[in-house]
Amino acid sequence: MTKPDDFDLQAFLPYLLNQAAEEASLGFQQIYKDRYGLLRSEWRVLFHLGIFGRLTATEIGAKGKVHKTKVSRAVQRLADRRLVKRARSEDDRRVEWLELTPVGEKVYRDLREVAQEYESSLQVKLSDDEMRVLKAMLLKLAGRL
């Protein structure tokens, strides 16, 4: 008879963080998918361009910790839908600058408002102090503190 493994997957921090992230993002995912037919990587590219302005795909990947192939596919789909425009750098032909189109800006502003409302709906589950501490701990774990 084999001995049961005593590793507690449910308490394993990376697993627990992933579970919390998935649960927290499901509602917002449904909104951007239903409203605009966006995938997760696409809304992340859209938001990076909305927040930071003109960026390269490499910069988006680094800022969002998204693999370059996912960024590339997302950029292609967003460009096909005329939400993102591309322009080759005149200084370095290997570099492609990305920016939101006017339609992309409109989609970003709409989803930004929805994201803020959605975050507020999540925050009611925690006290102000808990939310402050949680965000500080997550920033620390993400290496951004």
N, C-alpha and C. Protein backbone atom coordinates (compact mmCIF):
# COMPACT_ATOMS: atom_id res chain seq x y z
N MET A 1 0.84 -1.17 0.00
CA MET A 1 0.00 0.00 0.00
C MET A 1 0.90 1.25 0.00
N THR A 2 0.56 2.22 -0.83
CA THR A 2 1.39 3.42 -0.91
C THR A 2 0.94 4.44 0.13
N LYS A 3 1.93 5.16 0.62
CA LYS A 3 1.68 6.19 1.62
C LYS A 3 1.18 7.46 0.90
N PRO A 4 0.13 8.07 1.41
CA PRO A 4 -0.36 9.30 0.75
C PRO A 4 0.67 10.42 0.86
N ASP A 5 0.74 11.19 -0.16
CA ASP A 5 1.67 12.33 -0.19
C ASP A 5 1.13 13.41 0.75
N ASP A 6 2.00 13.96 1.59
CA ASP A 6 1.55 14.96 2.56
C ASP A 6 1.76 16.40 2.09
N PHE A 7 2.10 16.57 0.79
CA PHE A 7 2.26 17.92 0.25
C PHE A 7 0.89 18.57 0.13
N ASP A 8 0.73 19.73 0.76
CA ASP A 8 -0.56 20.43 0.75
C ASP A 8 -0.61 21.42 -0.41
N LEU A 9 -1.09 20.94 -1.54
CA LEU A 9 -1.17 21.77 -2.74
C LEU A 9 -2.04 23.00 -2.50
N GLN A 10 -3.14 22.85 -1.77
CA GLN A 10 -4.07 23.95 -1.53
C GLN A 10 -3.42 25.10 -0.74
N ALA A 11 -2.36 24.82 -0.01
CA ALA A 11 -1.68 25.85 0.78
C ALA A 11 -0.35 26.28 0.14
N PHE A 12 0.03 25.67 -0.98
CA PHE A 12 1.26 26.01 -1.69
C PHE A 12 1.09 27.40 -2.28
N LEU A 13 1.93 28.34 -1.84
CA LEU A 13 1.75 29.75 -2.19
C LEU A 13 1.58 30.01 -3.69
N PRO A 14 2.45 29.51 -4.57
CA PRO A 14 2.23 29.78 -6.00
C PRO A 14 0.86 29.28 -6.49
N TYR A 15 0.45 28.12 -6.02
CA TYR A 15 -0.85 27.57 -6.41
C TYR A 15 -1.98 28.45 -5.86
N LEU A 16 -1.87 28.84 -4.61
CA LEU A 16 -2.88 29.67 -3.97
C LEU A 16 -2.99 31.04 -4.66
N LEU A 17 -1.85 31.64 -4.98
CA LEU A 17 -1.86 32.92 -5.69
C LEU A 17 -2.51 32.79 -7.06
N ASN A 18 -2.20 31.70 -7.75
CA ASN A 18 -2.80 31.47 -9.06
C ASN A 18 -4.31 31.29 -8.95
N GLN A 19 -4.74 30.54 -7.96
CA GLN A 19 -6.18 30.32 -7.76
C GLN A 19 -6.89 31.65 -7.46
N ALA A 20 -6.30 32.46 -6.60
CA ALA A 20 -6.88 33.76 -6.26
C ALA A 20 -6.93 34.66 -7.49
N ALA A 21 -5.85 34.66 -8.28
CA ALA A 21 -5.80 35.49 -9.48
C ALA A 21 -6.87 35.06 -10.48
N GLU A 22 -7.00 33.76 -10.68
CA GLU A 22 -8.01 33.27 -11.61
C GLU A 22 -9.42 33.65 -11.15
N GLU A 23 -9.69 33.45 -9.88
CA GLU A 23 -11.00 33.78 -9.33
C GLU A 23 -11.28 35.27 -9.45
N ALA A 24 -10.29 36.09 -9.15
CA ALA A 24 -10.46 37.54 -9.19
C ALA A 24 -10.64 38.05 -10.62
N SER A 25 -10.03 37.38 -11.59
CA SER A 25 -10.07 37.90 -12.95
C SER A 25 -11.22 37.37 -13.80
N LEU A 26 -11.91 36.33 -13.34
CA LEU A 26 -12.96 35.72 -14.17
C LEU A 26 -14.07 36.69 -14.56
N GLY A 27 -14.55 37.48 -13.63
CA GLY A 27 -15.63 38.41 -13.93
C GLY A 27 -15.22 39.46 -14.94
N PHE A 28 -14.03 40.00 -14.76
CA PHE A 28 -13.53 41.01 -15.71
C PHE A 28 -13.28 40.38 -17.06
N GLN A 29 -12.77 39.16 -17.07
CA GLN A 29 -12.51 38.45 -18.32
C GLN A 29 -13.80 38.32 -19.13
N GLN A 30 -14.88 38.00 -18.46
CA GLN A 30 -16.16 37.85 -19.15
C GLN A 30 -16.59 39.16 -19.80
N ILE A 31 -16.32 40.27 -19.14
CA ILE A 31 -16.72 41.58 -19.67
C ILE A 31 -15.93 41.92 -20.93
N TYR A 32 -14.60 41.85 -20.88
CA TYR A 32 -13.83 42.24 -22.06
C TYR A 32 -14.01 41.24 -23.20
N LYS A 33 -14.31 40.00 -22.85
CA LYS A 33 -14.56 39.01 -23.89
C LYS A 33 -15.92 39.25 -24.54
N ASP A 34 -16.96 39.48 -23.73
CA ASP A 34 -18.31 39.69 -24.27
C ASP A 34 -18.42 41.01 -25.03
N ARG A 35 -17.86 42.07 -24.47
CA ARG A 35 -17.99 43.40 -25.10
C ARG A 35 -17.18 43.55 -26.36
N TYR A 36 -15.95 43.07 -26.31
CA TYR A 36 -15.03 43.35 -27.41
C TYR A 36 -14.37 42.12 -28.03
N GLY A 37 -14.69 40.94 -27.54
CA GLY A 37 -14.11 39.73 -28.09
C GLY A 37 -12.61 39.62 -27.86
N LEU A 38 -12.13 40.24 -26.77
CA LEU A 38 -10.69 40.25 -26.49
C LEU A 38 -10.27 39.03 -25.69
N LEU A 39 -9.05 38.59 -25.93
CA LEU A 39 -8.41 37.57 -25.12
C LEU A 39 -7.61 38.26 -24.02
N ARG A 40 -7.18 37.49 -23.02
CA ARG A 40 -6.42 38.06 -21.89
C ARG A 40 -5.18 38.82 -22.35
N SER A 41 -4.40 38.23 -23.23
CA SER A 41 -3.18 38.91 -23.70
C SER A 41 -3.52 40.18 -24.47
N GLU A 42 -4.64 40.21 -25.15
CA GLU A 42 -5.03 41.39 -25.91
C GLU A 42 -5.43 42.55 -25.00
N TRP A 43 -6.19 42.26 -23.95
CA TRP A 43 -6.57 43.38 -23.07
C TRP A 43 -5.33 43.91 -22.35
N ARG A 44 -4.38 43.02 -22.05
CA ARG A 44 -3.16 43.47 -21.38
C ARG A 44 -2.33 44.37 -22.29
N VAL A 45 -2.21 44.02 -23.57
CA VAL A 45 -1.51 44.88 -24.52
C VAL A 45 -2.25 46.20 -24.65
N LEU A 46 -3.56 46.14 -24.79
CA LEU A 46 -4.39 47.34 -24.91
C LEU A 46 -4.18 48.28 -23.72
N PHE A 47 -4.18 47.72 -22.51
CA PHE A 47 -4.03 48.54 -21.31
C PHE A 47 -2.62 49.12 -21.20
N HIS A 48 -1.60 48.36 -21.57
CA HIS A 48 -0.25 48.90 -21.52
C HIS A 48 -0.12 50.10 -22.47
N LEU A 49 -0.68 49.98 -23.65
CA LEU A 49 -0.61 51.09 -24.60
C LEU A 49 -1.48 52.25 -24.14
N GLY A 50 -2.62 51.96 -23.52
CA GLY A 50 -3.48 53.02 -23.01
C GLY A 50 -2.84 53.78 -21.87
N ILE A 51 -2.12 53.09 -21.03
CA ILE A 51 -1.49 53.71 -19.86
C ILE A 51 -0.18 54.41 -20.22
N PHE A 52 0.68 53.71 -20.97
CA PHE A 52 2.03 54.20 -21.22
C PHE A 52 2.21 54.89 -22.57
N GLY A 53 1.24 54.76 -23.45
CA GLY A 53 1.39 55.36 -24.78
C GLY A 53 2.22 54.46 -25.69
N ARG A 54 2.95 55.06 -26.58
CA ARG A 54 3.72 54.33 -27.59
C ARG A 54 4.78 53.44 -26.95
N LEU A 55 4.72 52.14 -27.30
CA LEU A 55 5.67 51.15 -26.79
C LEU A 55 6.01 50.17 -27.90
N THR A 56 7.07 49.40 -27.69
CA THR A 56 7.36 48.26 -28.56
C THR A 56 6.76 47.01 -27.93
N ALA A 57 6.64 45.97 -28.72
CA ALA A 57 6.14 44.71 -28.19
C ALA A 57 7.07 44.18 -27.10
N THR A 58 8.35 44.38 -27.27
CA THR A 58 9.33 43.94 -26.27
C THR A 58 9.08 44.65 -24.94
N GLU A 59 8.84 45.96 -25.01
CA GLU A 59 8.57 46.72 -23.79
C GLU A 59 7.29 46.24 -23.12
N ILE A 60 6.27 45.96 -23.90
CA ILE A 60 5.01 45.47 -23.33
C ILE A 60 5.24 44.12 -22.65
N GLY A 61 5.97 43.24 -23.31
CA GLY A 61 6.27 41.94 -22.73
C GLY A 61 7.01 42.06 -21.41
N ALA A 62 7.98 42.97 -21.37
CA ALA A 62 8.76 43.16 -20.13
C ALA A 62 7.91 43.76 -19.02
N LYS A 63 7.13 44.78 -19.34
CA LYS A 63 6.30 45.43 -18.33
C LYS A 63 5.21 44.49 -17.81
N GLY A 64 4.61 43.72 -18.72
CA GLY A 64 3.48 42.87 -18.34
C GLY A 64 3.85 41.44 -18.01
N LYS A 65 5.15 41.12 -18.14
CA LYS A 65 5.61 39.76 -17.91
C LYS A 65 4.80 38.76 -18.75
N VAL A 66 4.70 39.11 -20.04
CA VAL A 66 3.98 38.30 -21.01
C VAL A 66 5.00 37.81 -22.04
N HIS A 67 4.94 36.53 -22.39
CA HIS A 67 5.88 35.97 -23.36
C HIS A 67 5.72 36.66 -24.71
N LYS A 68 6.85 36.83 -25.40
CA LYS A 68 6.87 37.60 -26.64
C LYS A 68 5.94 37.04 -27.72
N THR A 69 5.77 35.73 -27.75
CA THR A 69 4.86 35.18 -28.77
C THR A 69 3.41 35.55 -28.47
N LYS A 70 3.05 35.58 -27.20
CA LYS A 70 1.69 35.99 -26.85
C LYS A 70 1.46 37.46 -27.16
N VAL A 71 2.47 38.29 -26.89
CA VAL A 71 2.36 39.72 -27.21
C VAL A 71 2.23 39.88 -28.72
N SER A 72 3.05 39.17 -29.46
CA SER A 72 3.04 39.27 -30.93
C SER A 72 1.68 38.89 -31.50
N ARG A 73 1.12 37.80 -31.02
CA ARG A 73 -0.21 37.37 -31.49
C ARG A 73 -1.28 38.38 -31.11
N ALA A 74 -1.19 38.89 -29.89
CA ALA A 74 -2.17 39.88 -29.43
C ALA A 74 -2.08 41.15 -30.27
N VAL A 75 -0.87 41.61 -30.54
CA VAL A 75 -0.68 42.81 -31.35
C VAL A 75 -1.26 42.59 -32.74
N GLN A 76 -1.00 41.43 -33.31
CA GLN A 76 -1.52 41.14 -34.65
C GLN A 76 -3.05 41.18 -34.68
N ARG A 77 -3.67 40.55 -33.70
CA ARG A 77 -5.15 40.55 -33.64
C ARG A 77 -5.69 41.97 -33.41
N LEU A 78 -5.05 42.72 -32.53
CA LEU A 78 -5.51 44.09 -32.27
C LEU A 78 -5.31 44.98 -33.50
N ALA A 79 -4.23 44.77 -34.22
CA ALA A 79 -3.98 45.53 -35.45
C ALA A 79 -5.00 45.15 -36.53
N ASP A 80 -5.30 43.86 -36.63
CA ASP A 80 -6.30 43.40 -37.60
C ASP A 80 -7.67 44.03 -37.33
N ARG A 81 -7.94 44.29 -36.06
CA ARG A 81 -9.22 44.88 -35.67
C ARG A 81 -9.16 46.40 -35.62
N ARG A 82 -8.02 46.94 -36.01
CA ARG A 82 -7.79 48.39 -36.07
C ARG A 82 -7.90 49.07 -34.71
N LEU A 83 -7.44 48.36 -33.68
CA LEU A 83 -7.37 48.93 -32.34
C LEU A 83 -5.96 49.43 -32.04
N VAL A 84 -5.00 48.88 -32.76
CA VAL A 84 -3.58 49.23 -32.59
C VAL A 84 -2.99 49.53 -33.96
N LYS A 85 -2.15 50.56 -34.01
CA LYS A 85 -1.41 50.84 -35.24
C LYS A 85 0.07 50.60 -34.99
N ARG A 86 0.75 50.18 -36.06
CA ARG A 86 2.17 49.86 -36.00
C ARG A 86 2.94 50.83 -36.89
N ALA A 87 4.15 51.15 -36.45
CA ALA A 87 5.02 52.01 -37.26
C ALA A 87 6.47 51.59 -37.05
N ARG A 88 7.17 51.34 -38.13
CA ARG A 88 8.60 50.99 -38.05
C ARG A 88 9.40 52.20 -37.59
N SER A 89 10.37 51.95 -36.75
CA SER A 89 11.27 53.01 -36.31
C SER A 89 12.14 53.45 -37.49
N GLU A 90 12.30 54.75 -37.63
CA GLU A 90 13.18 55.26 -38.69
C GLU A 90 14.65 55.06 -38.32
N ASP A 91 14.93 54.96 -37.01
CA ASP A 91 16.31 54.78 -36.55
C ASP A 91 16.77 53.33 -36.63
N ASP A 92 15.84 52.41 -36.41
CA ASP A 92 16.18 50.99 -36.39
C ASP A 92 15.01 50.22 -36.99
N ARG A 93 15.15 49.73 -38.18
CA ARG A 93 14.06 49.05 -38.91
C ARG A 93 13.60 47.76 -38.21
N ARG A 94 14.36 47.27 -37.26
CA ARG A 94 13.95 46.07 -36.51
C ARG A 94 12.91 46.41 -35.44
N VAL A 95 12.80 47.69 -35.10
CA VAL A 95 11.91 48.14 -34.02
C VAL A 95 10.58 48.60 -34.61
N GLU A 96 9.51 48.14 -33.99
CA GLU A 96 8.16 48.53 -34.41
C GLU A 96 7.46 49.19 -33.23
N TRP A 97 7.06 50.43 -33.42
CA TRP A 97 6.33 51.16 -32.39
C TRP A 97 4.85 50.86 -32.50
N LEU A 98 4.21 50.70 -31.34
CA LEU A 98 2.78 50.39 -31.28
C LEU A 98 2.06 51.51 -30.56
N GLU A 99 0.88 51.86 -31.06
CA GLU A 99 0.04 52.87 -30.43
C GLU A 99 -1.41 52.48 -30.62
N LEU A 100 -2.26 52.95 -29.73
CA LEU A 100 -3.70 52.75 -29.90
C LEU A 100 -4.21 53.67 -31.00
N THR A 101 -5.15 53.15 -31.77
CA THR A 101 -5.86 53.99 -32.74
C THR A 101 -6.96 54.73 -31.97
N PRO A 102 -7.65 55.68 -32.59
CA PRO A 102 -8.77 56.32 -31.90
C PRO A 102 -9.82 55.31 -31.41
N VAL A 103 -10.08 54.29 -32.19
CA VAL A 103 -11.03 53.25 -31.76
C VAL A 103 -10.45 52.47 -30.58
N GLY A 104 -9.16 52.16 -30.64
CA GLY A 104 -8.49 51.48 -29.54
C GLY A 104 -8.53 52.31 -28.27
N GLU A 105 -8.35 53.62 -28.41
CA GLU A 105 -8.44 54.53 -27.25
C GLU A 105 -9.83 54.46 -26.62
N LYS A 106 -10.85 54.44 -27.46
CA LYS A 106 -12.23 54.38 -26.96
C LYS A 106 -12.48 53.07 -26.21
N VAL A 107 -12.01 51.97 -26.78
CA VAL A 107 -12.16 50.67 -26.12
C VAL A 107 -11.40 50.67 -24.80
N TYR A 108 -10.18 51.19 -24.81
CA TYR A 108 -9.39 51.26 -23.58
C TYR A 108 -10.10 52.06 -22.50
N ARG A 109 -10.60 53.24 -22.85
CA ARG A 109 -11.27 54.09 -21.84
C ARG A 109 -12.50 53.40 -21.27
N ASP A 110 -13.26 52.73 -22.13
CA ASP A 110 -14.44 52.00 -21.66
C ASP A 110 -14.03 50.88 -20.70
N LEU A 111 -13.05 50.09 -21.10
CA LEU A 111 -12.63 48.96 -20.26
C LEU A 111 -11.91 49.43 -19.00
N ARG A 112 -11.23 50.56 -19.07
CA ARG A 112 -10.58 51.11 -17.87
C ARG A 112 -11.65 51.44 -16.82
N GLU A 113 -12.74 52.04 -17.26
CA GLU A 113 -13.83 52.37 -16.33
C GLU A 113 -14.44 51.09 -15.75
N VAL A 114 -14.65 50.10 -16.59
CA VAL A 114 -15.18 48.82 -16.13
C VAL A 114 -14.21 48.16 -15.15
N ALA A 115 -12.91 48.23 -15.45
CA ALA A 115 -11.89 47.63 -14.58
C ALA A 115 -11.91 48.28 -13.20
N GLN A 116 -12.05 49.60 -13.17
CA GLN A 116 -12.10 50.30 -11.89
C GLN A 116 -13.34 49.89 -11.09
N GLU A 117 -14.47 49.77 -11.75
CA GLU A 117 -15.69 49.32 -11.08
C GLU A 117 -15.55 47.88 -10.59
N TYR A 118 -14.94 47.05 -11.43
CA TYR A 118 -14.75 45.64 -11.06
C TYR A 118 -13.82 45.52 -9.86
N GLU A 119 -12.74 46.29 -9.86
CA GLU A 119 -11.83 46.26 -8.72
C GLU A 119 -12.56 46.68 -7.44
N SER A 120 -13.39 47.69 -7.53
CA SER A 120 -14.17 48.14 -6.36
C SER A 120 -15.06 47.03 -5.84
N SER A 121 -15.65 46.26 -6.76
CA SER A 121 -16.52 45.16 -6.33
C SER A 121 -15.73 44.06 -5.62
N LEU A 122 -14.46 43.89 -5.98
CA LEU A 122 -13.61 42.91 -5.29
C LEU A 122 -13.17 43.44 -3.93
N GLN A 123 -12.93 44.73 -3.86
CA GLN A 123 -12.40 45.33 -2.63
C GLN A 123 -13.41 45.31 -1.49
N VAL A 124 -14.69 45.21 -1.78
CA VAL A 124 -15.68 45.20 -0.69
C VAL A 124 -15.55 43.93 0.16
N LYS A 125 -14.85 42.92 -0.34
CA LYS A 125 -14.65 41.69 0.41
C LYS A 125 -13.60 41.85 1.50
N LEU A 126 -12.82 42.95 1.42
CA LEU A 126 -11.73 43.17 2.37
C LEU A 126 -11.87 44.55 3.00
N SER A 127 -11.33 44.69 4.19
CA SER A 127 -11.31 46.02 4.82
C SER A 127 -10.26 46.88 4.09
N ASP A 128 -10.29 48.18 4.34
CA ASP A 128 -9.30 49.08 3.74
C ASP A 128 -7.88 48.68 4.13
N ASP A 129 -7.70 48.32 5.41
CA ASP A 129 -6.37 47.89 5.87
C ASP A 129 -5.94 46.59 5.20
N GLU A 130 -6.86 45.63 5.09
CA GLU A 130 -6.53 44.37 4.42
C GLU A 130 -6.14 44.61 2.96
N MET A 131 -6.87 45.48 2.30
CA MET A 131 -6.57 45.77 0.89
C MET A 131 -5.20 46.42 0.75
N ARG A 132 -4.89 47.36 1.62
CA ARG A 132 -3.60 48.04 1.58
C ARG A 132 -2.47 47.03 1.79
N VAL A 133 -2.63 46.16 2.79
CA VAL A 133 -1.60 45.16 3.09
C VAL A 133 -1.49 44.15 1.95
N LEU A 134 -2.62 43.70 1.44
CA LEU A 134 -2.60 42.73 0.34
C LEU A 134 -1.87 43.29 -0.87
N LYS A 135 -2.20 44.51 -1.27
CA LYS A 135 -1.53 45.11 -2.42
C LYS A 135 -0.04 45.28 -2.18
N ALA A 136 0.34 45.69 -0.98
CA ALA A 136 1.76 45.84 -0.65
C ALA A 136 2.48 44.49 -0.72
N MET A 137 1.86 43.45 -0.21
CA MET A 137 2.49 42.12 -0.25
C MET A 137 2.60 41.61 -1.68
N LEU A 138 1.56 41.82 -2.49
CA LEU A 138 1.61 41.36 -3.87
C LEU A 138 2.67 42.12 -4.67
N LEU A 139 2.78 43.42 -4.43
CA LEU A 139 3.82 44.21 -5.09
C LEU A 139 5.21 43.69 -4.69
N LYS A 140 5.35 43.35 -3.44
CA LYS A 140 6.63 42.83 -2.95
C LYS A 140 6.96 41.49 -3.60
N LEU A 141 5.99 40.60 -3.64
CA LEU A 141 6.21 39.29 -4.27
C LEU A 141 6.48 39.43 -5.77
N ALA A 142 5.87 40.42 -6.39
CA ALA A 142 6.08 40.66 -7.81
C ALA A 142 7.40 41.36 -8.10
N GLY A 143 8.13 41.70 -7.03
CA GLY A 143 9.43 42.35 -7.21
C GLY A 143 9.32 43.81 -7.58
N ARG A 144 8.22 44.44 -7.25
CA ARG A 144 8.01 45.83 -7.63
C ARG A 144 8.06 46.78 -6.45
N LEU A 145 8.49 46.29 -5.31
CA LEU A 145 8.64 47.15 -4.12
C LEU A 145 10.09 47.25 -3.73
